[in-house]
């Protein structure tokens, strides 16, 4: 069903890892801010993550439609292959953003305002690989915005723990998206786009290790308790496992370890939840 429908493929609904990676920072903030297992809030943020990730993918593909056709991993995307045109993609983006707005309104005015601010980095991100070696940093700004929104949803404002979750999430994204970029190194060189994987070269493993370490430190400090630090040890061990098994010259290694970050996000969620018991 998903693979045969170009609109659903444009939203990447057949590639669900991105949804979870966008969702986990929202869930971290909700539990750490005191909402606990508030099923309604957790579910609404998850639906919002599905919608906004779909909108972000569509915007990205609109911008990248002329280069995606030259990359093995992306040449069959609906816009690159000609299955959909720009007008159809823009209509989908509008629909998804309006649906996201309805979800945000159920969560409160403060969430609507923070959600509106998120559109700025969402629109800017696709251009970053053309002008910077650090598009992964800009993806981190986008994908972890939910930490600020989730905290504001519960507390009515953004406080220091939320900022620490956001910074930690950015470091996490710098790590996992650098790993992901290993898949496209050769194609990126040919078409002239940039990434941290290309910029760092043989230093990639050290960089990923430092980013993961920084993320775990931020999450631990945000938890504010010794129990939280202890509860995050499984997440830290998962980070160590990723770095230990990373082969920077193997696209398959990058792909496999990237997808494992869905479970890393869950381990962080579990650790932060335990810290509030």
Protein backbone atom coordinates (compact mmCIF):
# COMPACT_ATOMS: atom_id res chain seq x y z
CA UNK A 1 0.00 0.00 0.00
CA UNK A 2 2.64 2.55 1.08
CA UNK A 3 5.16 1.58 -1.59
CA UNK A 4 2.55 1.82 -4.35
CA UNK A 5 1.27 5.26 -3.30
CA UNK A 6 3.61 8.12 -4.31
CA UNK A 7 2.14 10.51 -1.72
CA UNK A 8 2.81 8.09 1.12
CA UNK A 9 6.28 7.46 -0.24
CA UNK A 10 6.88 11.19 -0.41
CA UNK A 11 6.06 11.25 3.32
CA UNK A 12 8.51 8.32 3.80
CA UNK A 13 5.86 6.27 5.60
CA UNK A 14 7.68 3.17 4.40
CA UNK A 15 10.77 4.37 6.31
CA UNK A 16 9.52 4.73 9.86
CA UNK A 17 12.82 5.30 11.65
CA UNK A 18 12.65 9.02 10.91
CA UNK A 19 9.28 9.27 12.63
CA UNK A 20 10.67 7.76 15.83
CA UNK A 21 13.79 9.90 15.72
CA UNK A 22 11.60 13.00 15.49
CA UNK A 23 9.22 11.74 18.17
CA UNK A 24 11.60 10.66 20.93
CA UNK A 25 12.71 14.18 21.97
CA UNK A 26 9.02 15.10 22.40
CA UNK A 27 8.45 12.04 24.58
CA UNK A 28 11.63 12.67 26.61
CA UNK A 29 10.44 16.17 27.47
CA UNK A 30 6.93 15.05 28.35
CA UNK A 31 8.04 12.46 30.90
CA UNK A 32 10.85 14.57 32.35
CA UNK A 33 8.63 17.65 32.70
CA UNK A 34 6.23 15.66 34.84
CA UNK A 35 3.55 14.41 32.48
CA UNK A 36 4.55 10.81 33.13
CA UNK A 37 2.83 8.33 30.86
CA UNK A 38 0.13 10.74 29.74
CA UNK A 39 -1.16 8.60 26.89
CA UNK A 40 -3.15 11.39 25.25
CA UNK A 41 -0.21 13.79 25.07
CA UNK A 42 2.20 11.05 23.98
CA UNK A 43 -0.20 9.97 21.24
CA UNK A 44 -0.90 13.49 20.00
CA UNK A 45 2.81 14.26 19.79
CA UNK A 46 3.36 11.00 17.92
CA UNK A 47 0.68 11.88 15.36
CA UNK A 48 2.26 15.32 15.06
CA UNK A 49 5.65 13.70 14.46
CA UNK A 50 4.20 11.57 11.65
CA UNK A 51 2.63 14.61 10.00
CA UNK A 52 5.56 17.01 10.37
CA UNK A 53 8.14 14.44 9.39
CA UNK A 54 6.08 13.83 6.25
CA UNK A 55 5.90 17.56 5.54
CA UNK A 56 9.63 17.93 6.12
CA UNK A 57 10.43 15.06 3.75
CA UNK A 58 8.22 16.57 1.07
CA UNK A 59 9.87 20.00 1.43
CA UNK A 60 13.29 18.35 1.29
CA UNK A 61 12.37 16.46 -1.88
CA UNK A 62 11.00 19.59 -3.56
CA UNK A 63 14.32 21.35 -2.97
CA UNK A 64 16.43 18.31 -3.88
CA UNK A 65 14.41 16.99 -6.84
CA UNK A 66 17.12 17.87 -9.37
CA UNK A 67 19.94 16.18 -7.45
CA UNK A 68 18.07 13.18 -6.00
CA UNK A 69 17.92 11.63 -9.47
CA UNK A 70 21.72 11.29 -9.45
CA UNK A 71 21.93 9.50 -6.06
CA UNK A 72 21.38 5.74 -6.02
CA UNK A 73 19.47 5.81 -2.73
CA UNK A 74 17.11 8.64 -3.75
CA UNK A 75 16.60 8.41 -7.53
CA UNK A 76 13.31 6.51 -7.18
CA UNK A 77 11.68 9.12 -4.92
CA UNK A 78 8.37 10.40 -6.37
CA UNK A 79 9.61 13.86 -7.38
CA UNK A 80 12.99 12.70 -8.67
CA UNK A 81 11.36 9.94 -10.74
CA UNK A 82 8.55 12.17 -12.06
CA UNK A 83 5.67 10.32 -10.40
CA UNK A 84 4.59 13.57 -8.73
CA UNK A 85 5.12 17.20 -9.67
CA UNK A 86 5.97 20.18 -7.46
CA UNK A 87 2.37 21.42 -7.26
CA UNK A 88 1.18 18.05 -5.99
CA UNK A 89 3.98 17.96 -3.44
CA UNK A 90 3.19 21.49 -2.26
CA UNK A 91 -0.47 20.56 -1.83
CA UNK A 92 0.60 17.64 0.36
CA UNK A 93 2.85 19.91 2.44
CA UNK A 94 -0.01 22.36 3.00
CA UNK A 95 -2.39 19.57 4.02
CA UNK A 96 0.10 18.06 6.47
CA UNK A 97 0.92 21.42 8.06
CA UNK A 98 -2.77 22.22 8.51
CA UNK A 99 -3.36 18.81 10.10
CA UNK A 100 -0.36 19.41 12.37
CA UNK A 101 -1.85 22.74 13.39
CA UNK A 102 -5.05 21.01 14.50
CA UNK A 103 -3.01 18.62 16.65
CA UNK A 104 -1.02 21.50 18.16
CA UNK A 105 -4.23 23.39 18.99
CA UNK A 106 -5.39 20.44 21.10
CA UNK A 107 -2.14 20.68 23.06
CA UNK A 108 -2.39 24.41 23.78
CA UNK A 109 -1.49 27.84 22.43
CA UNK A 110 2.11 27.59 23.66
CA UNK A 111 2.62 24.44 21.55
CA UNK A 112 1.13 26.20 18.51
CA UNK A 113 3.60 29.07 18.92
CA UNK A 114 6.62 26.80 19.33
CA UNK A 115 5.41 24.68 16.43
CA UNK A 116 5.18 27.76 14.21
CA UNK A 117 8.77 28.69 15.07
CA UNK A 118 9.86 25.18 14.06
CA UNK A 119 8.86 25.87 10.45
CA UNK A 120 11.85 28.20 10.04
CA UNK A 121 14.57 25.54 10.48
CA UNK A 122 12.39 22.98 8.64
CA UNK A 123 12.38 25.14 5.51
CA UNK A 124 16.04 26.12 5.81
CA UNK A 125 17.46 22.63 6.36
CA UNK A 126 17.31 21.28 2.76
CA UNK A 127 19.57 24.11 1.55
CA UNK A 128 22.30 23.52 4.13
CA UNK A 129 24.05 20.67 2.29
CA UNK A 130 24.74 23.14 -0.53
CA UNK A 131 26.38 25.82 1.59
CA UNK A 132 27.80 24.05 4.66
CA UNK A 133 29.74 20.95 5.62
CA UNK A 134 27.41 20.70 8.63
CA UNK A 135 23.88 19.95 7.38
CA UNK A 136 23.66 17.36 10.18
CA UNK A 137 23.81 20.22 12.70
CA UNK A 138 20.83 21.90 11.07
CA UNK A 139 18.95 18.60 11.01
CA UNK A 140 19.59 18.41 14.74
CA UNK A 141 18.02 21.84 15.22
CA UNK A 142 14.91 20.57 13.40
CA UNK A 143 14.58 17.03 14.71
CA UNK A 144 14.94 17.92 18.40
CA UNK A 145 12.61 20.91 18.47
CA UNK A 146 10.01 18.63 20.03
CA UNK A 147 11.99 18.66 23.29
CA UNK A 148 11.15 22.36 23.64
CA UNK A 149 7.54 21.85 22.56
CA UNK A 150 6.97 18.90 24.88
CA UNK A 151 8.36 20.74 27.88
CA UNK A 152 6.34 23.87 27.13
CA UNK A 153 3.23 21.72 26.76
CA UNK A 154 3.57 20.51 30.36
CA UNK A 155 5.19 23.47 32.12
CA UNK A 156 3.92 26.37 30.03
CA UNK A 157 7.45 27.62 29.38
CA UNK A 158 10.88 26.38 28.32
CA UNK A 159 13.26 25.77 31.21
CA UNK A 160 16.88 24.63 31.58
CA UNK A 161 16.20 20.85 31.50
CA UNK A 162 14.40 21.28 28.19
CA UNK A 163 17.34 23.21 26.77
CA UNK A 164 19.69 20.45 27.93
CA UNK A 165 17.48 17.84 26.25
CA UNK A 166 17.52 19.95 23.09
CA UNK A 167 21.31 20.34 23.09
CA UNK A 168 21.77 16.67 23.90
CA UNK A 169 19.39 15.75 21.09
CA UNK A 170 21.35 17.90 18.64
CA UNK A 171 24.55 16.09 19.62
CA UNK A 172 22.75 12.77 19.20
CA UNK A 173 21.55 13.78 15.73
CA UNK A 174 25.04 14.92 14.75
CA UNK A 175 26.19 11.42 15.64
CA UNK A 176 23.51 9.32 13.98
CA UNK A 177 23.11 11.45 10.86
CA UNK A 178 26.86 11.47 10.29
CA UNK A 179 26.63 7.68 10.40
CA UNK A 180 23.70 7.83 7.97
CA UNK A 181 25.64 10.08 5.59
CA UNK A 182 28.27 7.36 5.16
CA UNK A 183 25.84 5.70 2.71
CA UNK A 184 26.00 8.59 0.26
CA UNK A 185 29.66 9.63 0.36
CA UNK A 186 30.54 8.64 -3.19
CA UNK A 187 27.36 10.10 -4.71
CA UNK A 188 27.75 13.30 -2.66
CA UNK A 189 31.28 13.76 -4.00
CA UNK A 190 30.03 13.39 -7.59
CA UNK A 191 27.19 15.90 -7.30
CA UNK A 192 29.01 18.35 -5.03
CA UNK A 193 26.89 18.33 -1.88
CA UNK A 194 28.41 18.34 1.58
CA UNK A 195 28.13 16.38 4.82
CA UNK A 196 29.96 15.85 8.08
CA UNK A 197 30.90 12.35 6.86
CA UNK A 198 32.83 13.91 3.97
CA UNK A 199 34.26 16.74 6.05
CA UNK A 200 35.54 14.53 8.86
CA UNK A 201 36.90 11.61 6.87
CA UNK A 202 39.00 9.34 9.10
CA UNK A 203 38.01 11.38 12.16
CA UNK A 204 34.37 10.33 11.81
CA UNK A 205 34.46 7.63 14.52
CA UNK A 206 36.03 10.00 17.08
CA UNK A 207 33.49 12.69 16.22
CA UNK A 208 30.54 10.32 16.62
CA UNK A 209 31.91 9.13 19.97
CA UNK A 210 32.27 12.71 21.22
CA UNK A 211 28.75 13.60 20.10
CA UNK A 212 27.23 10.58 21.78
CA UNK A 213 29.19 11.27 24.97
CA UNK A 214 28.01 14.89 24.96
CA UNK A 215 24.42 13.74 24.43
CA UNK A 216 24.50 11.32 27.36
CA UNK A 217 26.03 14.00 29.62
CA UNK A 218 23.28 16.47 28.66
CA UNK A 219 20.54 13.90 29.26
CA UNK A 220 22.05 12.92 32.61
CA UNK A 221 22.29 16.51 33.82
CA UNK A 222 18.76 17.21 32.57
CA UNK A 223 17.44 14.29 34.63
CA UNK A 224 18.67 16.07 37.75
CA UNK A 225 18.99 12.90 39.82
CA UNK A 226 21.53 10.18 40.57
CA UNK A 227 18.84 7.66 39.67
CA UNK A 228 18.56 9.31 36.26
CA UNK A 229 22.29 8.96 35.66
CA UNK A 230 22.13 5.28 36.57
CA UNK A 231 19.02 4.71 34.47
CA UNK A 232 20.76 6.15 31.41
CA UNK A 233 23.64 3.64 31.59
CA UNK A 234 21.92 1.28 29.07
CA UNK A 235 21.70 4.19 26.60
CA UNK A 236 25.38 4.97 27.16
CA UNK A 237 26.30 1.32 26.54
CA UNK A 238 24.29 1.36 23.32
CA UNK A 239 26.26 4.42 22.19
CA UNK A 240 29.50 2.58 22.98
CA UNK A 241 28.29 -0.44 20.97
CA UNK A 242 27.55 1.77 17.96
CA UNK A 243 30.96 3.44 18.00
CA UNK A 244 32.75 0.12 18.53
CA UNK A 245 31.00 -1.47 15.53
CA UNK A 246 31.14 1.52 13.19
CA UNK A 247 32.99 0.92 9.93
CA UNK A 248 33.30 4.31 8.26
CA UNK A 249 34.11 2.68 4.91
CA UNK A 250 31.01 0.48 4.87
CA UNK A 251 27.68 2.00 3.77
CA UNK A 252 25.91 -1.09 5.12
CA UNK A 253 27.46 -0.54 8.55
CA UNK A 254 26.25 3.06 8.51
CA UNK A 255 22.73 2.01 7.56
CA UNK A 256 22.48 -0.70 10.23
CA UNK A 257 23.82 1.46 13.05
CA UNK A 258 21.69 4.43 12.03
CA UNK A 259 18.48 2.41 12.38
CA UNK A 260 19.56 1.18 15.81
CA UNK A 261 19.11 4.75 17.06
CA UNK A 262 15.37 4.16 17.24
CA UNK A 263 16.15 1.84 20.17
CA UNK A 264 18.66 4.29 21.60
CA UNK A 265 15.92 6.92 21.71
CA UNK A 266 13.71 4.46 23.59
CA UNK A 267 16.48 3.71 26.10
CA UNK A 268 16.84 7.43 26.80
CA UNK A 269 13.05 7.69 27.21
CA UNK A 270 13.07 4.77 29.63
CA UNK A 271 15.95 6.26 31.60
CA UNK A 272 14.29 9.65 31.93
CA UNK A 273 11.00 8.05 32.92
CA UNK A 274 12.74 6.03 35.65
CA UNK A 275 14.45 9.19 36.89
CA UNK A 276 11.04 10.61 37.76
CA UNK A 277 9.84 7.60 39.76
